[in-house]
Protein backbone atom coordinates (compact mmCIF):
# COMPACT_ATOMS: atom_id res chain seq x y z
CA MET A 1 13.51 -34.76 -70.61
CA THR A 2 13.47 -34.31 -66.86
CA VAL A 3 11.05 -31.80 -66.20
CA THR A 4 10.73 -30.07 -62.42
CA GLU A 5 9.37 -27.10 -60.45
CA ILE A 6 11.88 -24.60 -59.81
CA PRO A 7 11.39 -21.09 -57.77
CA VAL A 8 10.31 -18.41 -60.16
CA ALA A 9 12.79 -16.21 -58.44
CA SER A 10 15.76 -18.53 -59.12
CA VAL A 11 15.53 -18.24 -62.84
CA ARG A 12 18.33 -15.98 -64.38
CA PHE A 13 17.49 -13.83 -67.17
CA VAL A 14 20.75 -12.74 -69.14
CA LYS A 15 20.06 -10.10 -71.75
CA GLU A 16 23.04 -10.83 -73.68
CA LEU A 17 22.15 -14.68 -73.85
CA TYR A 18 18.47 -13.63 -74.99
CA PRO A 19 17.84 -13.78 -78.89
CA ARG A 20 15.35 -11.28 -79.05
CA LEU A 21 15.79 -7.57 -79.21
CA ARG A 22 12.35 -7.03 -77.22
CA GLU A 23 9.79 -9.17 -75.83
CA ASP A 24 6.36 -9.33 -77.10
CA PRO A 25 3.89 -7.68 -74.25
CA GLN A 26 0.80 -9.01 -75.72
CA ARG A 27 2.11 -12.73 -75.98
CA VAL A 28 2.90 -12.35 -72.22
CA GLU A 29 -0.60 -11.20 -71.56
CA GLN A 30 -2.15 -14.54 -73.33
CA PHE A 31 0.06 -16.56 -71.43
CA ARG A 32 -0.95 -15.19 -68.32
CA GLU A 33 -4.61 -16.53 -68.92
CA THR A 34 -3.35 -19.86 -69.64
CA LEU A 35 -0.50 -20.84 -67.36
CA ALA A 36 -1.54 -24.29 -66.71
CA LEU A 37 -1.26 -25.27 -70.26
CA LEU A 38 2.12 -23.89 -70.90
CA PRO A 39 5.04 -26.10 -71.69
CA PRO A 40 8.10 -26.02 -69.39
CA ILE A 41 10.85 -23.40 -69.98
CA ALA A 42 14.24 -24.65 -70.38
CA VAL A 43 17.19 -23.33 -67.97
CA ALA A 44 20.95 -24.05 -67.90
CA ARG A 45 23.80 -23.79 -65.14
CA ASP A 46 23.02 -21.68 -62.28
CA GLY A 47 19.24 -21.05 -63.54
CA ILE A 48 20.09 -19.17 -66.74
CA LEU A 49 16.94 -18.99 -68.91
CA VAL A 50 17.50 -20.62 -72.38
CA ASP A 51 13.97 -20.59 -73.59
CA GLY A 52 10.60 -19.60 -72.62
CA PHE A 53 11.21 -15.85 -71.74
CA HIS A 54 7.51 -15.26 -72.28
CA ARG A 55 6.16 -18.09 -70.00
CA TRP A 56 8.42 -16.88 -67.34
CA GLN A 57 7.19 -13.31 -67.51
CA ALA A 58 3.77 -14.48 -67.26
CA HIS A 59 4.30 -16.59 -64.09
CA ARG A 60 6.42 -13.44 -62.75
CA LEU A 61 3.62 -11.15 -63.41
CA GLU A 62 0.93 -13.69 -61.85
CA GLN A 63 3.09 -14.04 -58.97
CA ARG A 64 3.63 -17.52 -59.11
CA GLU A 65 6.17 -19.24 -56.74
CA THR A 66 7.07 -22.12 -59.10
CA ILE A 67 7.41 -23.15 -62.69
CA ALA A 68 7.86 -26.19 -64.69
CA ALA A 69 11.48 -26.13 -66.26
CA GLU A 70 13.66 -28.48 -68.24
CA TYR A 71 17.33 -28.40 -67.10
CA LEU A 72 19.61 -28.47 -70.07
CA GLY A 73 23.02 -28.99 -67.99
CA ASN A 74 26.22 -27.05 -67.46
CA LEU A 75 26.36 -25.20 -70.89
CA SER A 76 28.64 -22.33 -71.87
CA ASP A 77 27.24 -19.06 -72.83
CA LEU A 78 28.01 -19.98 -76.51
CA GLU A 79 26.19 -23.18 -75.94
CA ILE A 80 23.28 -21.34 -74.18
CA PHE A 81 23.17 -18.95 -76.89
CA ARG A 82 23.00 -21.53 -79.84
CA GLU A 83 20.26 -23.56 -78.13
CA ALA A 84 18.32 -20.08 -77.58
CA CYS A 85 18.55 -19.19 -81.08
CA SER A 86 17.78 -22.49 -82.53
CA ARG A 87 14.61 -23.06 -80.12
CA ASN A 88 13.35 -19.29 -81.33
CA ALA A 89 14.16 -19.24 -84.74
CA ALA A 90 11.30 -21.35 -86.00
CA GLY A 91 7.94 -22.20 -84.64
CA VAL A 92 5.05 -19.82 -83.67
CA MET A 93 7.02 -16.97 -82.32
CA MET A 94 9.86 -16.82 -84.87
CA LEU A 95 12.71 -14.51 -84.35
CA SER A 96 11.96 -11.44 -86.66
CA ALA A 97 14.60 -10.47 -89.54
CA ARG A 98 15.89 -7.81 -87.26
CA ASP A 99 16.51 -10.27 -84.43
CA LYS A 100 18.30 -12.86 -86.60
CA ARG A 101 20.56 -10.04 -87.89
CA SER A 102 21.48 -9.26 -84.53
CA ASP A 103 21.75 -12.76 -83.50
CA ALA A 104 24.02 -13.55 -86.45
CA ASP A 105 26.32 -10.65 -85.42
CA ARG A 106 26.81 -11.93 -81.78
CA LEU A 107 26.98 -15.54 -82.86
CA TYR A 108 30.03 -14.15 -85.07
CA ARG A 109 31.38 -12.15 -82.40
CA MET A 110 31.32 -15.25 -79.93
CA GLY A 111 33.61 -17.14 -82.36
CA VAL A 112 31.05 -19.00 -84.85
CA ARG A 113 32.58 -18.95 -88.00
CA ASP A 114 30.87 -21.52 -89.80
CA TYR A 115 28.17 -19.85 -91.94
CA ALA A 116 26.17 -23.01 -92.46
CA GLU A 117 26.03 -23.34 -88.51
CA ILE A 118 24.80 -19.82 -88.33
CA ALA A 119 22.29 -20.32 -90.97
CA ALA A 120 20.90 -23.74 -89.51
CA LEU A 121 20.36 -22.15 -86.05
CA LEU A 122 18.59 -18.96 -87.17
CA SER A 123 16.67 -20.76 -89.98
CA VAL A 124 18.18 -18.55 -92.70
CA THR A 125 19.94 -19.29 -96.02
CA GLU A 126 23.74 -19.72 -95.82
CA LYS A 127 23.85 -16.54 -98.41
CA THR A 128 21.85 -14.71 -95.71
CA ALA A 129 24.32 -15.75 -92.92
CA GLN A 130 27.26 -14.82 -94.79
CA GLU A 131 25.62 -11.09 -95.33
CA TYR A 132 24.74 -11.06 -91.57
CA ALA A 133 28.33 -11.88 -90.61
CA ARG A 134 29.97 -9.60 -93.08
CA ASP A 135 28.09 -6.63 -91.52
CA ALA A 136 29.08 -8.02 -88.06
CA ARG A 137 32.84 -7.73 -89.36
CA ARG A 138 32.41 -4.28 -91.09
CA ASP A 139 30.29 -2.65 -88.38
CA GLU A 140 32.23 -3.41 -85.35
CA LYS A 141 33.64 0.09 -84.84
CA GLN A 142 30.30 1.48 -85.33
CA ASP A 143 28.80 -1.01 -82.99
CA GLN A 144 31.28 0.39 -80.22
CA GLN A 145 30.11 3.75 -80.79
CA ASP A 146 26.32 2.88 -80.81
CA ARG A 147 27.20 1.03 -77.61
CA ALA A 148 28.77 4.11 -75.92
CA TRP A 149 25.96 6.46 -76.92
CA ASP A 150 23.22 3.83 -75.69
CA LEU A 151 25.05 3.77 -72.25
CA TRP A 152 25.41 7.45 -71.97
CA LEU A 153 21.55 7.75 -72.49
CA ASP A 154 21.21 5.58 -69.89
CA CYS A 155 22.85 7.95 -67.67
CA MET A 156 26.30 6.29 -67.32
CA ASP A 157 29.19 8.43 -66.82
CA GLN A 158 32.27 8.44 -69.55
CA ARG A 159 34.69 6.62 -67.32
CA ALA A 160 32.20 3.74 -66.71
CA ILE A 161 31.43 3.61 -70.35
CA ALA A 162 35.00 3.37 -71.40
CA ASP A 163 35.64 0.50 -68.93
CA ALA A 164 32.33 -1.25 -70.10
CA ILE A 165 33.28 -1.23 -73.98
CA SER A 166 37.28 -1.43 -73.51
CA VAL A 167 37.97 1.91 -75.03
CA ASP A 168 39.87 4.99 -73.58
CA GLN A 169 37.96 7.73 -72.24
CA ALA A 170 38.94 10.32 -74.38
CA THR A 171 37.69 8.26 -77.50
CA VAL A 172 34.35 7.81 -75.76
CA SER A 173 34.31 11.78 -75.17
CA ARG A 174 34.92 12.33 -78.82
CA TRP A 175 32.33 9.89 -80.10
CA LEU A 176 29.71 11.33 -77.73
CA ASP A 177 30.29 14.79 -78.80
CA ALA A 178 30.07 13.97 -82.27
CA LYS A 179 26.77 11.91 -82.06
CA SER A 180 25.30 15.00 -79.66
CA LYS A 181 26.18 17.54 -82.46
CA GLU A 182 23.89 15.26 -85.03
CA LEU A 183 21.06 16.22 -82.89
CA GLU A 184 21.38 20.03 -82.55
CA ASN A 185 19.24 20.35 -85.47
CA ALA A 186 16.55 17.63 -84.80
CA SER A 187 13.02 17.92 -86.25
CA PRO A 188 10.03 17.81 -84.27
CA PRO A 189 8.15 14.49 -83.97
CA GLU A 190 5.31 13.71 -86.38
CA SER A 191 2.80 13.77 -83.56
CA ARG A 192 3.57 17.53 -82.58
CA GLN A 193 1.01 19.13 -80.98
CA HIS A 194 0.27 22.96 -81.05
CA PHE A 195 -2.83 23.48 -78.85
CA ASP A 196 -3.87 22.10 -75.19
CA VAL A 197 -5.89 19.67 -76.35
CA TRP A 198 -3.77 16.51 -77.68
CA SER A 199 -5.34 14.12 -79.84
CA PHE A 200 -3.31 11.93 -82.00
CA ALA A 201 -4.45 10.54 -85.61
CA SER A 202 -2.92 7.13 -84.92
CA ALA A 203 -3.54 4.77 -82.11
CA ASP A 204 -1.66 4.94 -78.65
CA GLY A 205 0.63 1.76 -79.69
CA ASP A 206 0.54 -1.88 -80.11
CA SER A 207 1.65 -3.01 -76.67
CA ALA A 208 -0.45 -4.87 -74.61
CA TYR A 209 0.89 -3.58 -71.32
CA PHE A 210 -1.91 -2.26 -69.01
CA GLY A 211 -1.74 1.34 -68.49
CA ARG A 212 0.80 2.16 -70.94
CA MET A 213 1.12 5.78 -71.56
CA PRO A 214 0.94 6.95 -75.52
CA PRO A 215 4.21 7.29 -76.63
CA GLN A 216 3.01 10.45 -78.56
CA VAL A 217 2.55 12.15 -75.16
CA VAL A 218 6.11 11.56 -74.16
CA GLU A 219 7.36 12.67 -77.84
CA ASN A 220 5.57 15.85 -77.19
CA LEU A 221 6.61 16.33 -73.49
CA LEU A 222 10.32 15.96 -74.51
CA TRP A 223 10.00 18.12 -77.61
CA LEU A 224 8.30 20.99 -75.69
CA TRP A 225 10.25 21.03 -72.44
CA THR A 226 13.63 19.14 -72.71
CA GLU A 227 16.78 19.65 -75.26
CA PRO A 228 18.80 16.61 -76.55
CA GLY A 229 21.32 15.40 -73.87
CA GLN A 230 19.21 16.62 -70.93
CA VAL A 231 18.11 14.10 -68.36
CA VAL A 232 14.52 12.47 -67.85
CA VAL A 233 13.43 10.48 -64.90
CA ASP A 234 10.34 8.19 -64.96
CA PRO A 235 9.62 6.54 -61.66
CA PHE A 236 6.63 4.58 -62.91
CA ALA A 237 8.17 3.00 -66.04
CA GLY A 238 5.97 0.49 -66.40
CA GLY A 239 6.51 -1.08 -70.05
CA GLY A 240 9.40 1.35 -70.95
CA THR A 241 7.60 3.64 -73.27
CA THR A 242 9.57 6.80 -71.77
CA ILE A 243 12.81 4.82 -72.27
CA ASP A 244 12.12 3.94 -75.85
CA VAL A 245 11.14 7.70 -76.91
CA ALA A 246 13.78 9.44 -74.74
CA LYS A 247 16.36 7.46 -76.28
CA ARG A 248 15.29 7.89 -79.84
CA MET A 249 15.01 11.61 -79.18
CA GLY A 250 18.50 11.93 -77.82
CA ARG A 251 17.42 12.41 -74.19
CA ARG A 252 19.10 10.67 -71.24
CA VAL A 253 16.93 8.69 -69.34
CA TRP A 254 16.71 6.81 -66.01
CA ALA A 255 13.59 4.75 -65.13
CA SER A 256 12.26 2.69 -62.26
CA ASP A 257 9.01 1.15 -61.19
CA LEU A 258 7.76 -0.79 -58.09
CA ARG A 259 7.74 -3.99 -60.21
CA PRO A 260 9.68 -3.50 -63.34
CA ALA A 261 7.69 -5.19 -66.03
CA THR A 262 10.59 -6.48 -68.42
CA PRO A 263 14.33 -7.20 -67.82
CA THR A 264 15.11 -6.58 -71.24
CA LEU A 265 15.19 -2.72 -70.49
CA PRO A 266 16.93 -0.93 -67.73
CA ILE A 267 14.17 -0.45 -65.42
CA HIS A 268 15.45 -0.34 -61.73
CA ALA A 269 13.13 -1.84 -58.91
CA HIS A 270 12.23 0.92 -56.61
CA ASP A 271 9.00 2.44 -54.80
CA ILE A 272 9.32 6.24 -55.46
CA THR A 273 7.24 6.69 -52.51
CA ALA A 274 9.82 5.75 -50.20
CA GLY A 275 12.06 8.42 -51.45
CA TRP A 276 14.31 9.43 -54.52
CA PRO A 277 16.53 6.43 -55.77
CA ASP A 278 19.85 6.12 -54.79
CA GLY A 279 21.11 5.30 -58.21
CA ALA A 280 19.23 7.84 -60.02
CA PRO A 281 20.47 11.43 -61.41
CA ARG A 282 20.63 13.67 -58.55
CA LYS A 283 19.06 16.25 -60.89
CA ALA A 284 16.42 15.96 -63.47
CA ASP A 285 15.43 18.28 -66.34
CA LEU A 286 12.01 16.27 -66.62
CA ILE A 287 10.47 13.82 -64.26
CA ILE A 288 7.53 12.21 -66.11
CA LEU A 289 4.90 10.48 -63.68
CA ASP A 290 2.30 7.88 -64.98
CA PRO A 291 0.96 6.54 -61.77
CA PRO A 292 -1.89 3.87 -61.57
CA TYR A 293 -5.12 5.73 -62.25
CA TRP A 294 -6.44 4.58 -58.88
CA ARG A 295 -9.13 2.01 -58.70
CA GLN A 296 -9.39 2.07 -62.50
CA ALA A 297 -6.30 -0.18 -62.09
CA ALA A 298 -6.96 -1.96 -58.89
CA GLY A 299 -5.60 -5.44 -58.76
CA ARG A 300 -4.29 -5.07 -62.55
CA TYR A 301 -0.48 -4.76 -61.44
CA SER A 302 -0.63 -6.68 -58.16
CA GLN A 303 -2.82 -7.43 -55.08
CA ASP A 304 0.02 -5.59 -52.97
CA PRO A 305 -1.97 -3.06 -50.71
CA ALA A 306 1.34 -0.70 -51.06
CA ASP A 307 0.41 -0.49 -55.05
CA LEU A 308 -1.21 2.88 -55.59
CA ALA A 309 -4.13 1.17 -57.42
CA ASN A 310 -5.22 -0.82 -54.55
CA MET A 311 -5.14 1.89 -51.75
CA SER A 312 -8.22 3.78 -50.42
CA LEU A 313 -8.50 7.43 -52.04
CA ASP A 314 -7.15 9.01 -48.98
CA GLY A 315 -4.00 6.61 -49.20
CA PHE A 316 -3.50 7.34 -52.83
CA TYR A 317 -3.34 11.01 -52.23
CA LYS A 318 -1.14 10.60 -49.16
CA ALA A 319 1.03 8.32 -51.39
CA TRP A 320 1.10 10.95 -54.05
CA GLN A 321 2.38 13.59 -51.59
CA ASP A 322 5.25 11.20 -50.92
CA VAL A 323 6.01 10.87 -54.58
CA LEU A 324 5.97 14.84 -54.86
CA THR A 325 8.35 15.06 -51.88
CA ALA A 326 10.82 12.49 -53.40
CA CYS A 327 10.84 14.49 -56.71
CA ALA A 328 10.80 17.93 -56.23
CA GLY A 329 14.08 18.42 -54.44
CA HIS A 330 15.85 16.74 -57.62
CA LEU A 331 14.68 19.04 -60.42
CA SER A 332 17.37 21.10 -62.11
CA ASP A 333 16.96 24.99 -61.97
CA ARG A 334 14.54 24.90 -64.98
CA GLY A 335 13.16 21.50 -64.41
CA ARG A 336 9.63 20.58 -64.69
CA ILE A 337 7.33 17.51 -63.39
CA ALA A 338 4.80 16.30 -65.63
CA TRP A 339 2.06 13.86 -64.55
CA ILE A 340 -0.86 12.09 -66.40
CA ILE A 341 -4.12 10.93 -64.98
CA SER A 342 -7.69 10.00 -65.61
CA PRO A 343 -10.58 11.13 -63.71
CA THR A 344 -12.33 8.08 -62.09
CA GLN A 345 -16.06 7.62 -63.24
CA CYS A 346 -18.03 6.20 -60.39
CA ASP A 347 -20.85 3.92 -60.85
CA ASP A 348 -23.40 6.68 -59.72
CA GLY A 349 -22.21 8.91 -62.65
CA THR A 350 -20.05 11.12 -60.41
CA VAL A 351 -16.35 11.87 -61.16
CA VAL A 352 -13.36 12.04 -59.03
CA ASP A 353 -11.24 14.60 -60.54
CA HIS A 354 -7.93 13.45 -59.63
CA ALA A 355 -6.08 16.00 -61.54
CA ALA A 356 -7.49 19.10 -59.61
CA ASP A 357 -6.92 17.05 -56.03
CA MET A 358 -3.27 16.21 -57.14
CA ILE A 359 -2.67 19.82 -58.12
CA VAL A 360 -3.89 20.83 -54.58
CA ALA A 361 -1.78 18.08 -53.08
CA GLN A 362 1.12 19.77 -54.78
CA HIS A 363 0.58 22.86 -53.32
CA THR A 364 0.32 21.55 -49.86
CA THR A 365 3.62 19.23 -50.30
CA VAL A 366 6.07 21.50 -51.80
CA PRO A 367 5.19 25.13 -50.87
CA ALA A 368 8.66 25.84 -50.07
CA LEU A 369 9.81 25.12 -53.86
CA GLN A 370 6.98 27.27 -55.09
CA MET A 371 6.23 25.16 -57.94
CA ARG A 372 3.21 26.47 -60.04
CA VAL A 373 1.23 24.87 -62.83
CA GLU A 374 2.49 25.64 -66.12
CA ARG A 375 0.06 23.87 -68.28
CA ARG A 376 -2.94 21.70 -67.95
CA ILE A 377 -3.41 19.60 -71.02
CA ILE A 378 -6.21 17.27 -72.16
CA VAL A 379 -5.26 14.19 -73.78
CA THR A 380 -8.11 12.41 -75.27
CA TYR A 381 -8.41 8.47 -75.47
CA GLN A 382 -7.98 7.08 -78.89
CA THR A 383 -10.10 3.97 -78.03
CA GLN A 384 -13.66 3.57 -76.75
CA GLN A 385 -13.54 3.80 -72.82
CA ALA A 386 -17.42 3.01 -72.56
CA THR A 387 -19.57 0.17 -73.43
CA GLY A 388 -22.81 0.42 -75.30
CA GLN A 389 -24.75 -0.38 -72.17
CA GLN A 390 -22.81 2.52 -70.36
CA VAL A 391 -23.57 4.94 -73.21
CA GLU A 392 -27.14 4.27 -73.10
CA TRP A 393 -27.25 4.58 -69.29
CA ALA A 394 -25.55 8.06 -69.60
CA ARG A 395 -28.34 9.48 -72.24
CA ARG A 396 -30.89 8.07 -69.91
CA GLU A 397 -29.72 9.38 -66.97
CA ARG A 398 -28.27 12.63 -68.56
CA LYS A 399 -24.70 11.81 -67.36
CA LEU A 400 -21.44 12.41 -68.86
CA LEU A 401 -18.81 9.89 -69.68
CA LYS A 402 -15.05 10.77 -69.44
CA LEU A 403 -13.26 10.63 -72.68
CA TYR A 404 -9.82 12.07 -71.54
CA ARG A 405 -6.83 12.19 -69.40
CA ASP A 406 -5.15 15.33 -67.71
CA LEU A 407 -1.61 15.90 -68.45
CA VAL A 408 -0.26 18.41 -65.78
CA VAL A 409 3.21 20.14 -65.87
CA ILE A 410 4.35 22.24 -62.81
CA SER A 411 7.64 24.32 -62.72
CA ARG A 412 9.07 26.88 -60.50
């Protein structure tokens, strides 16, 4: 095996050749702490990633310029996918049963008809491989319909969807109409809230992505202020929570981030402080903003001074005005902007009330649009936000410690 150092930026991720449906953010965070101990990744022709996605992600997030890599040669797509499946099917990070079912489906569609080979590549029995392949044959039309729906939720128009899946536009339109009708009597989410203090019985979620918005917050925002088929835009997409929840609830969603956390989701690279993205929908029914919580997140996303978390407080609020300016002109007639932010607890016990300051910034930034605060909601943290020493300090000094985030919804 020949291992060389290659530029991190030269590695090409091809989602269709990746054997996992989603990555494990917690494993990426673990790898970020142990970069020097990680084995090399594997790449094939043109730098296509074959094995080592989590290691590559860890290097990207740590902003390393090079990564150790093993070159496997000028492999075809099928050879790349075979190798990726084989390397990931066993070992410490085994593919899940759902991954293996999906991979068997893809192998079958790519021309692998030998059940014994599929079984060997995925570390399953031949009987299981036959079952997975049988599902692939039976579900081919349903898969096309599901793909059309998924692309529509990604805000792709019907003509582009028809071209992408090689089906005529009339058929795509019929499929989408039928799917939309299924959502007309959708039930509210289990996390549905009825008051302006939101507290959820379960934890915020199992993602290790720093600053992740609780999915229950997104569920309630969508349930209260959107309808199925309406457009949601998230310019601070982070780990992709809004995408996951919006699609599950039948909302169309377009997401971006200054530094997209994962290539497995359609998160576009864009700095929302620079203006509305060219590729985003012209109008949104709900814009969800989950910016860094100022210095609480300093250095956690990057060392870039253009990152909101690394700015001075004045710079943070100026950037926030730029965000509102970019978003406010792209709301539908009854659209809303919602943002979530936590107050910053200073070392002396004082608190910077970001929500109040950002409401003031909203009034000075977009007065012509006559936006008003429709709701200000308290979202409690589900995990302890202070150490035992901090609690003792607060008792001794007669101070209060924060235990919540503000969720502000504005509308015309």
